[in-house]
Amino acid sequence: MSKLVLTSHGIFCEELKKSVEMIFGPQEEIYTLALLPEEGEEDYVAKFEAIKAETAGEQLVVFADLLGGTPCNQISKYVMQGEDIELYSGMNMPMVISYLNAGMTGQPLNIIEEGPASIKRVNDLVPKLG
């Protein structure tokens, strides 16, 4: 199985991992890559290079918080150079859960359909009282 990297502006990625761990328990195989306010692109790239070195030989699946943001843009440079990286934007908890479920069940990973399918207007799903 590939290795999952969650990346975001600030510590959103770290907190998302913690939230997923509330459901699935510790997830040592999930890496987080936060772009902190005091860091520049060089700092961010150095941290990503460290993750790549630690996961050498593994395919990386990267969930980024925002299409067009620095984290997504920096990882997309690796994709453009032919690195074995699957990069998705719009990171959310259902995406991470789908990734973990695919790994546990052996089912194919289908982030493009499953991520957006989790978005619901709850008002349309619950009955109104009174």
Protein backbone atom coordinates (compact mmCIF):
# COMPACT_ATOMS: atom_id res chain seq x y z
CA MET A 1 0.00 0.00 0.00
CA SER A 2 1.08 3.54 -0.59
CA LYS A 3 1.90 6.04 2.15
CA LEU A 4 -0.51 8.87 2.93
CA VAL A 5 0.66 12.46 3.45
CA LEU A 6 -1.75 15.11 4.72
CA THR A 7 -0.60 18.64 3.92
CA SER A 8 -2.09 22.01 4.75
CA HIS A 9 -1.68 25.64 5.61
CA GLY A 10 -1.07 25.58 9.35
CA ILE A 11 -1.74 22.58 11.56
CA PHE A 12 -5.05 21.54 9.98
CA CYS A 13 -3.36 18.38 8.67
CA GLU A 14 -2.08 17.43 12.12
CA GLU A 15 -5.46 17.98 13.74
CA LEU A 16 -7.23 16.05 10.97
CA LYS A 17 -4.94 13.11 11.64
CA LYS A 18 -5.80 13.30 15.35
CA SER A 19 -9.50 13.31 14.52
CA VAL A 20 -9.14 10.25 12.31
CA GLU A 21 -7.20 8.52 15.08
CA MET A 22 -10.21 9.00 17.38
CA ILE A 23 -12.05 6.59 15.06
CA PHE A 24 -9.28 4.27 13.80
CA GLY A 25 -6.69 4.45 16.57
CA PRO A 26 -3.03 5.44 16.06
CA GLN A 27 -2.02 5.90 12.42
CA GLU A 28 1.77 5.78 12.33
CA GLU A 29 1.67 5.35 8.55
CA ILE A 30 0.03 8.74 7.98
CA TYR A 31 2.47 11.62 7.62
CA THR A 32 1.60 15.28 8.15
CA LEU A 33 3.21 18.19 6.38
CA ALA A 34 2.18 21.57 7.74
CA LEU A 35 3.19 24.85 6.15
CA LEU A 36 3.59 27.05 9.20
CA PRO A 37 3.24 30.87 9.12
CA GLU A 38 6.92 31.43 9.87
CA GLU A 39 8.08 29.07 7.09
CA GLY A 40 8.81 29.68 3.45
CA GLU A 41 8.65 27.41 0.45
CA GLU A 42 12.22 26.20 1.05
CA ASP A 43 11.34 25.05 4.57
CA TYR A 44 8.25 23.28 3.31
CA VAL A 45 10.12 21.51 0.51
CA ALA A 46 12.84 20.40 2.95
CA LYS A 47 10.19 18.81 5.18
CA PHE A 48 8.65 17.05 2.18
CA GLU A 49 12.06 15.78 1.11
CA ALA A 50 12.50 14.30 4.61
CA ILE A 51 9.18 12.45 4.24
CA LYS A 52 10.24 11.21 0.80
CA ALA A 53 13.53 9.93 2.25
CA GLU A 54 11.71 8.13 5.07
CA THR A 55 9.27 6.51 2.62
CA ALA A 56 11.79 5.78 -0.15
CA GLY A 57 10.50 3.30 -2.69
CA GLU A 58 6.86 3.76 -1.68
CA GLN A 59 4.22 5.53 -3.73
CA LEU A 60 2.93 8.60 -1.96
CA VAL A 61 -0.70 9.67 -1.88
CA VAL A 62 -0.95 13.31 -0.85
CA PHE A 63 -4.12 15.05 0.31
CA ALA A 64 -3.73 18.83 0.18
CA ASP A 65 -6.09 21.31 1.77
CA LEU A 66 -6.52 23.75 -1.10
CA LEU A 67 -6.09 23.65 -4.86
CA GLY A 68 -3.76 26.48 -5.85
CA GLY A 69 -2.30 26.94 -2.37
CA THR A 70 1.40 26.66 -1.63
CA PRO A 71 1.27 23.09 -0.23
CA CYS A 72 -0.59 21.78 -3.29
CA ASN A 73 1.51 23.85 -5.70
CA GLN A 74 4.80 22.63 -4.23
CA ILE A 75 3.78 18.95 -4.38
CA SER A 76 2.41 19.41 -7.91
CA LYS A 77 5.94 20.33 -9.01
CA TYR A 78 7.01 16.79 -8.07
CA VAL A 79 4.07 15.36 -10.02
CA MET A 80 5.07 17.41 -13.08
CA GLN A 81 8.59 15.96 -12.81
CA GLY A 82 7.19 12.42 -13.00
CA GLU A 83 7.41 11.45 -9.30
CA ASP A 84 5.18 8.54 -8.22
CA ILE A 85 2.76 10.75 -6.29
CA GLU A 86 -1.03 10.82 -6.38
CA LEU A 87 -2.08 14.35 -5.39
CA TYR A 88 -5.63 15.30 -4.40
CA SER A 89 -6.90 18.68 -3.19
CA GLY A 90 -9.90 19.52 -1.02
CA MET A 91 -8.70 17.35 1.88
CA ASN A 92 -11.39 16.33 4.34
CA MET A 93 -12.01 13.63 6.91
CA PRO A 94 -14.15 11.41 4.63
CA MET A 95 -11.23 11.28 2.16
CA VAL A 96 -8.87 10.02 4.87
CA ILE A 97 -11.42 7.48 6.07
CA SER A 98 -11.94 6.24 2.50
CA TYR A 99 -8.18 5.85 2.11
CA LEU A 100 -7.94 3.82 5.33
CA ASN A 101 -10.99 1.71 4.48
CA ALA A 102 -9.56 0.88 1.04
CA GLY A 103 -6.36 -0.29 2.70
CA MET A 104 -8.18 -2.45 5.24
CA THR A 105 -10.65 -4.01 2.79
CA GLY A 106 -8.50 -4.25 -0.31
CA GLN A 107 -11.08 -2.26 -2.26
CA PRO A 108 -9.91 0.25 -4.86
CA LEU A 109 -9.33 3.79 -3.68
CA ASN A 110 -11.99 6.09 -5.15
CA ILE A 111 -11.38 9.52 -3.65
CA ILE A 112 -12.86 11.50 -6.54
CA GLU A 113 -16.34 10.03 -6.00
CA GLU A 114 -16.31 9.30 -2.27
CA GLY A 115 -14.96 12.64 -1.04
CA PRO A 116 -17.62 14.87 -2.60
CA ALA A 117 -20.36 12.29 -1.96
CA SER A 118 -19.92 12.89 1.76
CA ILE A 119 -21.04 16.52 1.43
CA LYS A 120 -24.68 16.75 2.42
CA ARG A 121 -27.08 19.46 3.51
CA VAL A 122 -28.18 17.83 6.76
CA ASN A 123 -31.37 19.94 6.87
CA ASP A 124 -32.59 17.89 3.91
CA LEU A 125 -31.90 14.61 5.71
CA VAL A 126 -33.44 15.10 9.14
CA PRO A 127 -37.14 15.40 9.90
CA LYS A 128 -38.41 18.66 11.26
CA LEU A 129 -40.12 18.42 14.63
CA GLY A 130 -43.34 20.26 15.31
